[in-house]
Amino acid sequence: MKNYFQFLIVDDDNTNNLICKFTIKRFDKDAVIITYNKPEDALEFLKSDKFTSSNSLTILLSLIHISEPTRPY
């Protein structure tokens, strides 16, 4: 069974997501990279079976930068 790294990138700017994805792939071409524009969607993914049912070793690195929150504080 092949172990792989799984990265979760959350940023409301698609360009930043793309730059992060290319940078990670440069160092680990087998990495699984998942990107989201909304933090709520990323949280749903983390709660889902897609995240918890992995058969390989998964290390999660979450890179988050949200310029405009979707909820007022």
N, C-alpha and C. Protein backbone atom coordinates (compact mmCIF):
# COMPACT_ATOMS: atom_id res chain seq x y z
N MET A 1 0.84 -1.18 0.00
CA MET A 1 0.00 0.00 0.00
C MET A 1 0.89 1.24 0.00
N LYS A 2 0.64 2.13 -0.90
CA LYS A 2 1.44 3.35 -1.00
C LYS A 2 0.93 4.41 -0.05
N ASN A 3 1.83 4.96 0.73
CA ASN A 3 1.47 6.08 1.59
C ASN A 3 1.60 7.37 0.79
N TYR A 4 0.74 8.29 1.06
CA TYR A 4 0.78 9.57 0.37
C TYR A 4 0.43 10.69 1.33
N PHE A 5 0.77 11.87 0.93
CA PHE A 5 0.41 13.06 1.70
C PHE A 5 -0.84 13.66 1.08
N GLN A 6 -1.72 14.11 1.92
CA GLN A 6 -2.95 14.76 1.47
C GLN A 6 -2.95 16.18 2.03
N PHE A 7 -3.15 17.14 1.14
CA PHE A 7 -3.14 18.55 1.52
C PHE A 7 -4.51 19.15 1.29
N LEU A 8 -4.95 19.95 2.23
CA LEU A 8 -6.20 20.68 2.11
C LEU A 8 -5.86 22.16 2.10
N ILE A 9 -6.24 22.84 1.02
CA ILE A 9 -5.96 24.26 0.86
C ILE A 9 -7.29 25.00 0.83
N VAL A 10 -7.43 25.99 1.68
CA VAL A 10 -8.66 26.79 1.74
C VAL A 10 -8.30 28.25 1.59
N ASP A 11 -8.72 28.83 0.49
CA ASP A 11 -8.46 30.25 0.23
C ASP A 11 -9.54 30.75 -0.71
N ASP A 12 -10.00 31.96 -0.50
CA ASP A 12 -11.05 32.50 -1.37
C ASP A 12 -10.49 33.03 -2.69
N ASP A 13 -9.19 32.97 -2.86
CA ASP A 13 -8.56 33.42 -4.10
C ASP A 13 -8.06 32.20 -4.88
N ASN A 14 -8.65 31.95 -6.04
CA ASN A 14 -8.27 30.79 -6.85
C ASN A 14 -6.81 30.82 -7.28
N THR A 15 -6.27 32.00 -7.49
CA THR A 15 -4.86 32.11 -7.88
C THR A 15 -3.95 31.60 -6.77
N ASN A 16 -4.26 31.97 -5.52
CA ASN A 16 -3.48 31.47 -4.39
C ASN A 16 -3.58 29.96 -4.28
N ASN A 17 -4.77 29.42 -4.50
CA ASN A 17 -4.94 27.96 -4.46
C ASN A 17 -4.07 27.29 -5.52
N LEU A 18 -4.05 27.86 -6.70
CA LEU A 18 -3.27 27.29 -7.79
C LEU A 18 -1.76 27.35 -7.50
N ILE A 19 -1.30 28.47 -6.97
CA ILE A 19 0.11 28.61 -6.62
C ILE A 19 0.50 27.59 -5.55
N CYS A 20 -0.33 27.42 -4.53
CA CYS A 20 -0.05 26.43 -3.49
C CYS A 20 -0.01 25.03 -4.09
N LYS A 21 -0.95 24.74 -4.96
CA LYS A 21 -1.02 23.41 -5.58
C LYS A 21 0.24 23.12 -6.40
N PHE A 22 0.65 24.07 -7.24
CA PHE A 22 1.85 23.89 -8.04
C PHE A 22 3.10 23.74 -7.17
N THR A 23 3.17 24.51 -6.09
CA THR A 23 4.34 24.44 -5.20
C THR A 23 4.43 23.07 -4.53
N ILE A 24 3.30 22.58 -4.05
CA ILE A 24 3.30 21.27 -3.40
C ILE A 24 3.67 20.18 -4.41
N LYS A 25 3.08 20.23 -5.60
CA LYS A 25 3.36 19.22 -6.63
C LYS A 25 4.83 19.23 -7.07
N ARG A 26 5.45 20.38 -6.97
CA ARG A 26 6.86 20.50 -7.33
C ARG A 26 7.73 19.63 -6.42
N PHE A 27 7.32 19.50 -5.15
CA PHE A 27 8.10 18.74 -4.18
C PHE A 27 7.56 17.32 -3.98
N ASP A 28 6.29 17.10 -4.30
CA ASP A 28 5.69 15.78 -4.12
C ASP A 28 4.65 15.56 -5.22
N LYS A 29 5.08 14.93 -6.30
CA LYS A 29 4.19 14.77 -7.46
C LYS A 29 3.04 13.81 -7.18
N ASP A 30 3.16 12.97 -6.14
CA ASP A 30 2.10 12.02 -5.80
C ASP A 30 1.12 12.56 -4.75
N ALA A 31 1.33 13.76 -4.30
CA ALA A 31 0.47 14.33 -3.27
C ALA A 31 -0.96 14.47 -3.78
N VAL A 32 -1.89 14.25 -2.87
CA VAL A 32 -3.30 14.48 -3.16
C VAL A 32 -3.62 15.87 -2.61
N ILE A 33 -4.08 16.75 -3.49
CA ILE A 33 -4.32 18.14 -3.09
C ILE A 33 -5.79 18.47 -3.34
N ILE A 34 -6.43 18.93 -2.29
CA ILE A 34 -7.84 19.29 -2.36
C ILE A 34 -7.94 20.78 -2.04
N THR A 35 -8.63 21.52 -2.89
CA THR A 35 -8.76 22.96 -2.66
C THR A 35 -10.23 23.33 -2.50
N TYR A 36 -10.45 24.31 -1.66
CA TYR A 36 -11.79 24.88 -1.44
C TYR A 36 -11.68 26.39 -1.38
N ASN A 37 -12.76 27.05 -1.81
CA ASN A 37 -12.83 28.51 -1.72
C ASN A 37 -13.59 28.97 -0.48
N LYS A 38 -14.38 28.08 0.08
CA LYS A 38 -15.20 28.43 1.25
C LYS A 38 -14.83 27.53 2.42
N PRO A 39 -14.58 28.12 3.59
CA PRO A 39 -14.20 27.30 4.75
C PRO A 39 -15.30 26.31 5.14
N GLU A 40 -16.56 26.69 4.91
CA GLU A 40 -17.67 25.79 5.25
C GLU A 40 -17.59 24.49 4.43
N ASP A 41 -17.22 24.62 3.16
CA ASP A 41 -17.09 23.44 2.30
C ASP A 41 -15.94 22.55 2.77
N ALA A 42 -14.86 23.16 3.20
CA ALA A 42 -13.71 22.38 3.71
C ALA A 42 -14.09 21.64 4.99
N LEU A 43 -14.85 22.29 5.85
CA LEU A 43 -15.29 21.62 7.09
C LEU A 43 -16.20 20.44 6.78
N GLU A 44 -17.08 20.60 5.80
CA GLU A 44 -17.95 19.49 5.40
C GLU A 44 -17.12 18.32 4.88
N PHE A 45 -16.09 18.62 4.11
CA PHE A 45 -15.19 17.57 3.62
C PHE A 45 -14.53 16.84 4.78
N LEU A 46 -14.05 17.59 5.77
CA LEU A 46 -13.37 16.98 6.91
C LEU A 46 -14.31 16.07 7.71
N LYS A 47 -15.60 16.39 7.71
CA LYS A 47 -16.59 15.57 8.42
C LYS A 47 -17.06 14.38 7.59
N SER A 48 -16.76 14.38 6.31
CA SER A 48 -17.32 13.38 5.40
C SER A 48 -16.55 12.07 5.41
N ASP A 49 -17.16 11.07 4.79
CA ASP A 49 -16.52 9.77 4.63
C ASP A 49 -15.32 9.84 3.69
N LYS A 50 -15.31 10.79 2.79
CA LYS A 50 -14.19 10.92 1.85
C LYS A 50 -12.88 11.16 2.59
N PHE A 51 -12.97 11.86 3.71
CA PHE A 51 -11.77 12.15 4.49
C PHE A 51 -11.44 11.00 5.44
N THR A 52 -12.45 10.44 6.08
CA THR A 52 -12.20 9.45 7.14
C THR A 52 -12.00 8.04 6.63
N SER A 53 -12.37 7.74 5.38
CA SER A 53 -12.29 6.36 4.91
C SER A 53 -11.04 6.06 4.10
N SER A 54 -10.05 6.89 4.20
CA SER A 54 -8.81 6.66 3.45
C SER A 54 -8.11 5.40 3.93
N ASN A 55 -7.61 4.61 2.98
CA ASN A 55 -6.89 3.37 3.31
C ASN A 55 -5.39 3.59 3.46
N SER A 56 -4.90 4.77 3.13
CA SER A 56 -3.48 5.06 3.23
C SER A 56 -3.22 6.07 4.34
N LEU A 57 -1.98 6.13 4.72
CA LEU A 57 -1.57 7.12 5.71
C LEU A 57 -1.85 8.51 5.15
N THR A 58 -2.58 9.29 5.89
CA THR A 58 -2.92 10.63 5.43
C THR A 58 -2.40 11.64 6.42
N ILE A 59 -1.64 12.58 5.92
CA ILE A 59 -1.19 13.71 6.72
C ILE A 59 -1.85 14.94 6.13
N LEU A 60 -2.53 15.67 6.94
CA LEU A 60 -3.31 16.80 6.47
C LEU A 60 -2.61 18.10 6.82
N LEU A 61 -2.38 18.90 5.82
CA LEU A 61 -1.87 20.25 6.03
C LEU A 61 -2.91 21.19 5.48
N SER A 62 -3.42 22.01 6.32
CA SER A 62 -4.47 22.93 5.90
C SER A 62 -3.87 24.33 5.80
N LEU A 63 -3.89 24.89 4.62
CA LEU A 63 -3.42 26.25 4.39
C LEU A 63 -4.65 27.13 4.20
N ILE A 64 -4.85 28.05 5.12
CA ILE A 64 -6.08 28.83 5.10
C ILE A 64 -5.77 30.32 5.06
N HIS A 65 -6.42 30.99 4.13
CA HIS A 65 -6.36 32.45 4.06
C HIS A 65 -7.67 32.93 3.47
N ILE A 66 -8.50 33.48 4.30
CA ILE A 66 -9.80 33.98 3.85
C ILE A 66 -9.80 35.49 4.04
N SER A 67 -9.88 36.22 2.93
CA SER A 67 -9.85 37.68 3.00
C SER A 67 -11.17 38.27 3.47
N GLU A 68 -12.24 37.70 2.96
CA GLU A 68 -13.56 38.21 3.30
C GLU A 68 -14.41 37.10 3.90
N PRO A 69 -14.52 37.07 5.23
CA PRO A 69 -15.32 36.01 5.86
C PRO A 69 -16.77 36.07 5.37
N THR A 70 -17.39 34.91 5.34
CA THR A 70 -18.78 34.85 4.89
C THR A 70 -19.76 35.21 6.00
N ARG A 71 -19.28 35.28 7.22
CA ARG A 71 -20.15 35.65 8.33
C ARG A 71 -19.62 36.89 9.01
N PRO A 72 -20.50 37.84 9.30
CA PRO A 72 -20.05 39.02 10.06
C PRO A 72 -19.81 38.66 11.52
N TYR A 73 -18.83 39.31 12.14
CA TYR A 73 -18.51 39.03 13.54
C TYR A 73 -19.08 40.08 14.44
